[in-house]
Amino acid sequence: MSLIATDSDGKRILDYLGQTMVQHAGDGGGQKDVLVRRAYDFVLAEQKRIVEAKNSKLIPRYEAFRRYVESRLPLWGLEAKKD
């Protein structure tokens, strides 16, 4: 149940980058680089590609996805990149 959270839109989500995952990742920060940093880089690259393609269906979805990932970055000791 600790993996379930309420998202910014009020809907329940699987919080796969939240505090419970930070606790289970263990010491050493390996998951930070392997999982979180790479996932964030992917989200940024895909969002850029989708915006450039003017995909009106996916643009708001990737905006929401980016907001979620960026909201969890501090838990992992990471900072959001500035546009």
PDB file of N, CA and C in Angstrom:
ATOM      1  N   MET A   1       0.820  -1.197   0.000  1.00  0.00           N
ATOM      2  CA  MET A   1       0.000   0.000   0.000  1.00  0.00           C
ATOM      3  C   MET A   1       0.865   1.262   0.000  1.00  0.00           C
ATOM      4  N   SER A   2       2.098   1.166   0.460  1.00  0.00           N
ATOM      5  CA  SER A   2       2.949   2.355   0.505  1.00  0.00           C
ATOM      6  C   SER A   2       3.402   2.797  -0.887  1.00  0.00           C
ATOM      7  N   LEU A   3       3.134   1.970  -1.883  1.00  0.00           N
ATOM      8  CA  LEU A   3       3.459   2.363  -3.258  1.00  0.00           C
ATOM      9  C   LEU A   3       2.309   3.097  -3.941  1.00  0.00           C
ATOM     10  N   ILE A   4       1.193   3.237  -3.273  1.00  0.00           N
ATOM     11  CA  ILE A   4       0.051   3.938  -3.842  1.00  0.00           C
ATOM     12  C   ILE A   4       0.060   5.372  -3.328  1.00  0.00           C
ATOM     13  N   ALA A   5      -0.122   6.328  -4.231  1.00  0.00           N
ATOM     14  CA  ALA A   5      -0.144   7.745  -3.862  1.00  0.00           C
ATOM     15  C   ALA A   5      -1.241   8.441  -4.657  1.00  0.00           C
ATOM     16  N   THR A   6      -1.556   9.641  -4.255  1.00  0.00           N
ATOM     17  CA  THR A   6      -2.502  10.472  -4.985  1.00  0.00           C
ATOM     18  C   THR A   6      -1.695  11.465  -5.801  1.00  0.00           C
ATOM     19  N   ASP A   7      -1.927  11.479  -7.103  1.00  0.00           N
ATOM     20  CA  ASP A   7      -1.200  12.354  -8.014  1.00  0.00           C
ATOM     21  C   ASP A   7      -1.759  13.772  -7.946  1.00  0.00           C
ATOM     22  N   SER A   8      -1.111  14.688  -8.634  1.00  0.00           N
ATOM     23  CA  SER A   8      -1.516  16.098  -8.617  1.00  0.00           C
ATOM     24  C   SER A   8      -2.917  16.321  -9.178  1.00  0.00           C
ATOM     25  N   ASP A   9      -3.398  15.374  -9.990  1.00  0.00           N
ATOM     26  CA  ASP A   9      -4.748  15.498 -10.545  1.00  0.00           C
ATOM     27  C   ASP A   9      -5.803  14.827  -9.662  1.00  0.00           C
ATOM     28  N   GLY A  10      -5.370  14.317  -8.506  1.00  0.00           N
ATOM     29  CA  GLY A  10      -6.290  13.686  -7.571  1.00  0.00           C
ATOM     30  C   GLY A  10      -6.513  12.202  -7.798  1.00  0.00           C
ATOM     31  N   LYS A  11      -5.910  11.640  -8.837  1.00  0.00           N
ATOM     32  CA  LYS A  11      -6.070  10.215  -9.127  1.00  0.00           C
ATOM     33  C   LYS A  11      -5.011   9.403  -8.392  1.00  0.00           C
ATOM     34  N   ARG A  12      -5.363   8.162  -8.066  1.00  0.00           N
ATOM     35  CA  ARG A  12      -4.438   7.247  -7.399  1.00  0.00           C
ATOM     36  C   ARG A  12      -3.460   6.691  -8.432  1.00  0.00           C
ATOM     37  N   ILE A  13      -2.189   6.615  -8.036  1.00  0.00           N
ATOM     38  CA  ILE A  13      -1.145   6.127  -8.939  1.00  0.00           C
ATOM     39  C   ILE A  13      -0.223   5.159  -8.203  1.00  0.00           C
ATOM     40  N   LEU A  14       0.511   4.380  -8.987  1.00  0.00           N
ATOM     41  CA  LEU A  14       1.601   3.578  -8.466  1.00  0.00           C
ATOM     42  C   LEU A  14       2.806   4.512  -8.369  1.00  0.00           C
ATOM     43  N   ASP A  15       3.254   4.782  -7.162  1.00  0.00           N
ATOM     44  CA  ASP A  15       4.324   5.758  -6.929  1.00  0.00           C
ATOM     45  C   ASP A  15       5.679   5.057  -6.983  1.00  0.00           C
ATOM     46  N   TYR A  16       6.101   4.706  -8.177  1.00  0.00           N
ATOM     47  CA  TYR A  16       7.304   3.895  -8.363  1.00  0.00           C
ATOM     48  C   TYR A  16       8.605   4.660  -8.191  1.00  0.00           C
ATOM     49  N   LEU A  17       8.542   5.973  -7.976  1.00  0.00           N
ATOM     50  CA  LEU A  17       9.751   6.741  -7.670  1.00  0.00           C
ATOM     51  C   LEU A  17       9.662   7.402  -6.293  1.00  0.00           C
ATOM     52  N   GLY A  18       8.696   6.997  -5.504  1.00  0.00           N
ATOM     53  CA  GLY A  18       8.440   7.627  -4.214  1.00  0.00           C
ATOM     54  C   GLY A  18       9.331   7.134  -3.087  1.00  0.00           C
ATOM     55  N   GLN A  19       8.993   7.577  -1.886  1.00  0.00           N
ATOM     56  CA  GLN A  19       9.799   7.322  -0.696  1.00  0.00           C
ATOM     57  C   GLN A  19      10.013   5.833  -0.426  1.00  0.00           C
ATOM     58  N   THR A  20       9.005   5.010  -0.653  1.00  0.00           N
ATOM     59  CA  THR A  20       9.164   3.570  -0.415  1.00  0.00           C
ATOM     60  C   THR A  20      10.250   2.987  -1.305  1.00  0.00           C
ATOM     61  N   MET A  21      10.297   3.400  -2.560  1.00  0.00           N
ATOM     62  CA  MET A  21      11.330   2.896  -3.466  1.00  0.00           C
ATOM     63  C   MET A  21      12.709   3.417  -3.080  1.00  0.00           C
ATOM     64  N   VAL A  22      12.782   4.649  -2.600  1.00  0.00           N
ATOM     65  CA  VAL A  22      14.060   5.192  -2.124  1.00  0.00           C
ATOM     66  C   VAL A  22      14.574   4.322  -0.981  1.00  0.00           C
ATOM     67  N   GLN A  23      13.706   3.982  -0.057  1.00  0.00           N
ATOM     68  CA  GLN A  23      14.098   3.165   1.091  1.00  0.00           C
ATOM     69  C   GLN A  23      14.553   1.771   0.657  1.00  0.00           C
ATOM     70  N   HIS A  24      13.913   1.212  -0.352  1.00  0.00           N
ATOM     71  CA  HIS A  24      14.257  -0.136  -0.807  1.00  0.00           C
ATOM     72  C   HIS A  24      15.450  -0.158  -1.763  1.00  0.00           C
ATOM     73  N   ALA A  25      15.841   0.987  -2.265  1.00  0.00           N
ATOM     74  CA  ALA A  25      16.965   1.049  -3.208  1.00  0.00           C
ATOM     75  C   ALA A  25      18.288   0.766  -2.509  1.00  0.00           C
ATOM     76  N   GLY A  26      18.348   1.015  -1.234  1.00  0.00           N
ATOM     77  CA  GLY A  26      19.570   0.731  -0.488  1.00  0.00           C
ATOM     78  C   GLY A  26      20.611   1.818  -0.619  1.00  0.00           C
ATOM     79  N   ASP A  27      21.718   1.596   0.064  1.00  0.00           N
ATOM     80  CA  ASP A  27      22.815   2.564   0.069  1.00  0.00           C
ATOM     81  C   ASP A  27      23.615   2.492  -1.226  1.00  0.00           C
ATOM     82  N   GLY A  28      24.377   3.516  -1.459  1.00  0.00           N
ATOM     83  CA  GLY A  28      25.273   3.524  -2.607  1.00  0.00           C
ATOM     84  C   GLY A  28      24.762   4.333  -3.772  1.00  0.00           C
ATOM     85  N   GLY A  29      23.486   4.581  -3.855  1.00  0.00           N
ATOM     86  CA  GLY A  29      22.949   5.440  -4.903  1.00  0.00           C
ATOM     87  C   GLY A  29      22.923   4.846  -6.291  1.00  0.00           C
ATOM     88  N   GLY A  30      23.176   3.542  -6.423  1.00  0.00           N
ATOM     89  CA  GLY A  30      23.192   2.930  -7.746  1.00  0.00           C
ATOM     90  C   GLY A  30      21.882   3.075  -8.492  1.00  0.00           C
ATOM     91  N   GLN A  31      20.776   2.915  -7.782  1.00  0.00           N
ATOM     92  CA  GLN A  31      19.474   3.040  -8.439  1.00  0.00           C
ATOM     93  C   GLN A  31      19.232   4.467  -8.902  1.00  0.00           C
ATOM     94  N   LYS A  32      19.811   5.420  -8.196  1.00  0.00           N
ATOM     95  CA  LYS A  32      19.653   6.817  -8.595  1.00  0.00           C
ATOM     96  C   LYS A  32      20.188   7.008 -10.007  1.00  0.00           C
ATOM     97  N   ASP A  33      21.365   6.474 -10.283  1.00  0.00           N
ATOM     98  CA  ASP A  33      21.962   6.646 -11.604  1.00  0.00           C
ATOM     99  C   ASP A  33      21.372   5.693 -12.635  1.00  0.00           C
ATOM    100  N   VAL A  34      21.163   4.448 -12.241  1.00  0.00           N
ATOM    101  CA  VAL A  34      20.685   3.438 -13.184  1.00  0.00           C
ATOM    102  C   VAL A  34      19.221   3.643 -13.537  1.00  0.00           C
ATOM    103  N   LEU A  35      18.421   3.944 -12.552  1.00  0.00           N
ATOM    104  CA  LEU A  35      16.979   4.017 -12.768  1.00  0.00           C
ATOM    105  C   LEU A  35      16.478   5.447 -12.927  1.00  0.00           C
ATOM    106  N   VAL A  36      16.659   6.247 -11.927  1.00  0.00           N
ATOM    107  CA  VAL A  36      15.991   7.546 -11.871  1.00  0.00           C
ATOM    108  C   VAL A  36      16.574   8.540 -12.869  1.00  0.00           C
ATOM    109  N   ARG A  37      17.878   8.700 -12.899  1.00  0.00           N
ATOM    110  CA  ARG A  37      18.486   9.667 -13.816  1.00  0.00           C
ATOM    111  C   ARG A  37      18.201   9.294 -15.277  1.00  0.00           C
ATOM    112  N   ARG A  38      18.304   8.034 -15.602  1.00  0.00           N
ATOM    113  CA  ARG A  38      18.029   7.593 -16.979  1.00  0.00           C
ATOM    114  C   ARG A  38      16.563   7.760 -17.343  1.00  0.00           C
ATOM    115  N   ALA A  39      15.680   7.462 -16.394  1.00  0.00           N
ATOM    116  CA  ALA A  39      14.248   7.650 -16.647  1.00  0.00           C
ATOM    117  C   ALA A  39      13.946   9.117 -16.886  1.00  0.00           C
ATOM    118  N   TYR A  40      14.536   9.995 -16.093  1.00  0.00           N
ATOM    119  CA  TYR A  40      14.317  11.427 -16.254  1.00  0.00           C
ATOM    120  C   TYR A  40      14.848  11.910 -17.597  1.00  0.00           C
ATOM    121  N   ASP A  41      16.038  11.483 -17.975  1.00  0.00           N
ATOM    122  CA  ASP A  41      16.594  11.862 -19.280  1.00  0.00           C
ATOM    123  C   ASP A  41      15.691  11.381 -20.411  1.00  0.00           C
ATOM    124  N   PHE A  42      15.131  10.187 -20.277  1.00  0.00           N
ATOM    125  CA  PHE A  42      14.213   9.653 -21.283  1.00  0.00           C
ATOM    126  C   PHE A  42      12.958  10.521 -21.389  1.00  0.00           C
ATOM    127  N   VAL A  43      12.387  10.881 -20.241  1.00  0.00           N
ATOM    128  CA  VAL A  43      11.179  11.712 -20.235  1.00  0.00           C
ATOM    129  C   VAL A  43      11.447  13.038 -20.931  1.00  0.00           C
ATOM    130  N   LEU A  44      12.576  13.665 -20.635  1.00  0.00           N
ATOM    131  CA  LEU A  44      12.911  14.951 -21.257  1.00  0.00           C
ATOM    132  C   LEU A  44      13.078  14.815 -22.767  1.00  0.00           C
ATOM    133  N   ALA A  45      13.786  13.774 -23.192  1.00  0.00           N
ATOM    134  CA  ALA A  45      14.018  13.573 -24.624  1.00  0.00           C
ATOM    135  C   ALA A  45      12.713  13.279 -25.363  1.00  0.00           C
ATOM    136  N   GLU A  46      11.881  12.429 -24.785  1.00  0.00           N
ATOM    137  CA  GLU A  46      10.605  12.100 -25.429  1.00  0.00           C
ATOM    138  C   GLU A  46       9.667  13.300 -25.455  1.00  0.00           C
ATOM    139  N   GLN A  47       9.644  14.065 -24.381  1.00  0.00           N
ATOM    140  CA  GLN A  47       8.794  15.246 -24.369  1.00  0.00           C
ATOM    141  C   GLN A  47       9.222  16.222 -25.459  1.00  0.00           C
ATOM    142  N   LYS A  48      10.507  16.416 -25.620  1.00  0.00           N
ATOM    143  CA  LYS A  48      11.018  17.305 -26.670  1.00  0.00           C
ATOM    144  C   LYS A  48      10.615  16.785 -28.048  1.00  0.00           C
ATOM    145  N   ARG A  49      10.780  15.486 -28.268  1.00  0.00           N
ATOM    146  CA  ARG A  49      10.437  14.890 -29.559  1.00  0.00           C
ATOM    147  C   ARG A  49       8.948  15.035 -29.857  1.00  0.00           C
ATOM    148  N   ILE A  50       8.128  14.821 -28.857  1.00  0.00           N
ATOM    149  CA  ILE A  50       6.671  14.883 -29.033  1.00  0.00           C
ATOM    150  C   ILE A  50       6.211  16.313 -29.300  1.00  0.00           C
ATOM    151  N   VAL A  51       6.820  17.263 -28.603  1.00  0.00           N
ATOM    152  CA  VAL A  51       6.479  18.669 -28.843  1.00  0.00           C
ATOM    153  C   VAL A  51       6.882  19.068 -30.260  1.00  0.00           C
ATOM    154  N   GLU A  52       8.074  18.661 -30.676  1.00  0.00           N
ATOM    155  CA  GLU A  52       8.534  18.989 -32.031  1.00  0.00           C
ATOM    156  C   GLU A  52       7.635  18.361 -33.095  1.00  0.00           C
ATOM    157  N   ALA A  53       7.094  17.181 -32.797  1.00  0.00           N
ATOM    158  CA  ALA A  53       6.191  16.507 -33.737  1.00  0.00           C
ATOM    159  C   ALA A  53       4.767  17.055 -33.650  1.00  0.00           C
ATOM    160  N   LYS A  54       4.529  17.937 -32.669  1.00  0.00           N
ATOM    161  CA  LYS A  54       3.208  18.548 -32.468  1.00  0.00           C
ATOM    162  C   LYS A  54       2.118  17.494 -32.237  1.00  0.00           C
ATOM    163  N   ASN A  55       2.454  16.493 -31.448  1.00  0.00           N
ATOM    164  CA  ASN A  55       1.516  15.416 -31.138  1.00  0.00           C
ATOM    165  C   ASN A  55       0.601  15.873 -30.001  1.00  0.00           C
ATOM    166  N   SER A  56      -0.530  16.423 -30.357  1.00  0.00           N
ATOM    167  CA  SER A  56      -1.428  17.038 -29.372  1.00  0.00           C
ATOM    168  C   SER A  56      -1.997  16.030 -28.365  1.00  0.00           C
ATOM    169  N   LYS A  57      -2.028  14.765 -28.712  1.00  0.00           N
ATOM    170  CA  LYS A  57      -2.523  13.747 -27.788  1.00  0.00           C
ATOM    171  C   LYS A  57      -1.496  13.435 -26.697  1.00  0.00           C
ATOM    172  N   LEU A  58      -0.225  13.366 -27.074  1.00  0.00           N
ATOM    173  CA  LEU A  58       0.813  12.966 -26.129  1.00  0.00           C
ATOM    174  C   LEU A  58       1.444  14.126 -25.364  1.00  0.00           C
ATOM    175  N   ILE A  59       1.357  15.337 -25.876  1.00  0.00           N
ATOM    176  CA  ILE A  59       1.985  16.482 -25.197  1.00  0.00           C
ATOM    177  C   ILE A  59       1.499  16.605 -23.747  1.00  0.00           C
ATOM    178  N   PRO A  60       0.191  16.637 -23.482  1.00  0.00           N
ATOM    179  CA  PRO A  60      -0.223  16.768 -22.076  1.00  0.00           C
ATOM    180  C   PRO A  60       0.131  15.551 -21.224  1.00  0.00           C
ATOM    181  N   ARG A  61       0.192  14.397 -21.824  1.00  0.00           N
ATOM    182  CA  ARG A  61       0.565  13.198 -21.064  1.00  0.00           C
ATOM    183  C   ARG A  61       2.016  13.261 -20.613  1.00  0.00           C
ATOM    184  N   TYR A  62       2.898  13.708 -21.509  1.00  0.00           N
ATOM    185  CA  TYR A  62       4.298  13.823 -21.142  1.00  0.00           C
ATOM    186  C   TYR A  62       4.552  14.987 -20.210  1.00  0.00           C
ATOM    187  N   GLU A  63       3.738  16.030 -20.290  1.00  0.00           N
ATOM    188  CA  GLU A  63       3.846  17.118 -19.311  1.00  0.00           C
ATOM    189  C   GLU A  63       3.530  16.591 -17.917  1.00  0.00           C
ATOM    190  N   ALA A  64       2.475  15.787 -17.809  1.00  0.00           N
ATOM    191  CA  ALA A  64       2.093  15.210 -16.517  1.00  0.00           C
ATOM    192  C   ALA A  64       3.156  14.217 -16.037  1.00  0.00           C
ATOM    193  N   PHE A  65       3.676  13.407 -16.938  1.00  0.00           N
ATOM    194  CA  PHE A  65       4.711  12.438 -16.591  1.00  0.00           C
ATOM    195  C   PHE A  65       5.954  13.163 -16.085  1.00  0.00           C
ATOM    196  N   ARG A  66       6.345  14.233 -16.775  1.00  0.00           N
ATOM    197  CA  ARG A  66       7.518  15.011 -16.356  1.00  0.00           C
ATOM    198  C   ARG A  66       7.290  15.629 -14.977  1.00  0.00           C
ATOM    199  N   ARG A  67       6.105  16.173 -14.732  1.00  0.00           N
ATOM    200  CA  ARG A  67       5.808  16.753 -13.425  1.00  0.00           C
ATOM    201  C   ARG A  67       5.946  15.703 -12.318  1.00  0.00           C
ATOM    202  N   TYR A  68       5.436  14.494 -12.586  1.00  0.00           N
ATOM    203  CA  TYR A  68       5.554  13.417 -11.599  1.00  0.00           C
ATOM    204  C   TYR A  68       7.023  13.107 -11.320  1.00  0.00           C
ATOM    205  N   VAL A  69       7.796  12.862 -12.355  1.00  0.00           N
ATOM    206  CA  VAL A  69       9.200  12.497 -12.177  1.00  0.00           C
ATOM    207  C   VAL A  69       9.945  13.622 -11.462  1.00  0.00           C
ATOM    208  N   GLU A  70       9.738  14.859 -11.891  1.00  0.00           N
ATOM    209  CA  GLU A  70      10.440  15.976 -11.261  1.00  0.00           C
ATOM    210  C   GLU A  70      10.026  16.162  -9.802  1.00  0.00           C
ATOM    211  N   SER A  71       8.791  15.814  -9.470  1.00  0.00           N
ATOM    212  CA  SER A  71       8.352  15.937  -8.079  1.00  0.00           C
ATOM    213  C   SER A  71       9.043  14.925  -7.175  1.00  0.00           C
ATOM    214  N   ARG A  72       9.554  13.847  -7.748  1.00  0.00           N
ATOM    215  CA  ARG A  72      10.215  12.807  -6.960  1.00  0.00           C
ATOM    216  C   ARG A  72      11.742  12.916  -6.964  1.00  0.00           C
ATOM    217  N   LEU A  73      12.305  13.732  -7.832  1.00  0.00           N
ATOM    218  CA  LEU A  73      13.762  13.849  -7.923  1.00  0.00           C
ATOM    219  C   LEU A  73      14.433  14.204  -6.593  1.00  0.00           C
ATOM    220  N   PRO A  74      13.877  15.154  -5.812  1.00  0.00           N
ATOM    221  CA  PRO A  74      14.543  15.474  -4.543  1.00  0.00           C
ATOM    222  C   PRO A  74      14.667  14.278  -3.596  1.00  0.00           C
ATOM    223  N   LEU A  75      13.720  13.355  -3.659  1.00  0.00           N
ATOM    224  CA  LEU A  75      13.804  12.159  -2.818  1.00  0.00           C
ATOM    225  C   LEU A  75      15.060  11.347  -3.128  1.00  0.00           C
ATOM    226  N   TRP A  76      15.528  11.455  -4.362  1.00  0.00           N
ATOM    227  CA  TRP A  76      16.688  10.695  -4.826  1.00  0.00           C
ATOM    228  C   TRP A  76      17.963  11.538  -4.811  1.00  0.00           C
ATOM    229  N   GLY A  77      17.848  12.781  -4.337  1.00  0.00           N
ATOM    230  CA  GLY A  77      19.021  13.654  -4.285  1.00  0.00           C
ATOM    231  C   GLY A  77      19.368  14.250  -5.637  1.00  0.00           C
ATOM    232  N   LEU A  78      18.396  14.360  -6.513  1.00  0.00           N
ATOM    233  CA  LEU A  78      18.598  14.913  -7.846  1.00  0.00           C
ATOM    234  C   LEU A  78      17.817  16.215  -8.001  1.00  0.00           C
ATOM    235  N   GLU A  79      18.249  17.036  -8.940  1.00  0.00           N
ATOM    236  CA  GLU A  79      17.561  18.282  -9.221  1.00  0.00           C
ATOM    237  C   GLU A  79      16.999  18.253 -10.633  1.00  0.00           C
ATOM    238  N   ALA A  80      15.885  18.948 -10.801  1.00  0.00           N
ATOM    239  CA  ALA A  80      15.290  19.072 -12.137  1.00  0.00           C
ATOM    240  C   ALA A  80      16.160  19.968 -12.995  1.00  0.00           C
ATOM    241  N   LYS A  81      16.191  19.657 -14.277  1.00  0.00           N
ATOM    242  CA  LYS A  81      16.946  20.471 -15.226  1.00  0.00           C
ATOM    243  C   LYS A  81      16.106  21.667 -15.643  1.00  0.00           C
ATOM    244  N   LYS A  82      16.770  22.754 -15.877  1.00  0.00           N
ATOM    245  CA  LYS A  82      16.078  23.951 -16.336  1.00  0.00           C
ATOM    246  C   LYS A  82      16.001  23.918 -17.856  1.00  0.00           C
ATOM    247  N   ASP A  83      14.868  24.370 -18.382  1.00  0.00           N
ATOM    248  CA  ASP A  83      14.702  24.378 -19.858  1.00  0.00           C
ATOM    249  C   ASP A  83      15.570  25.411 -20.503  1.00  0.00           C
TER     250      ASP A  83
END
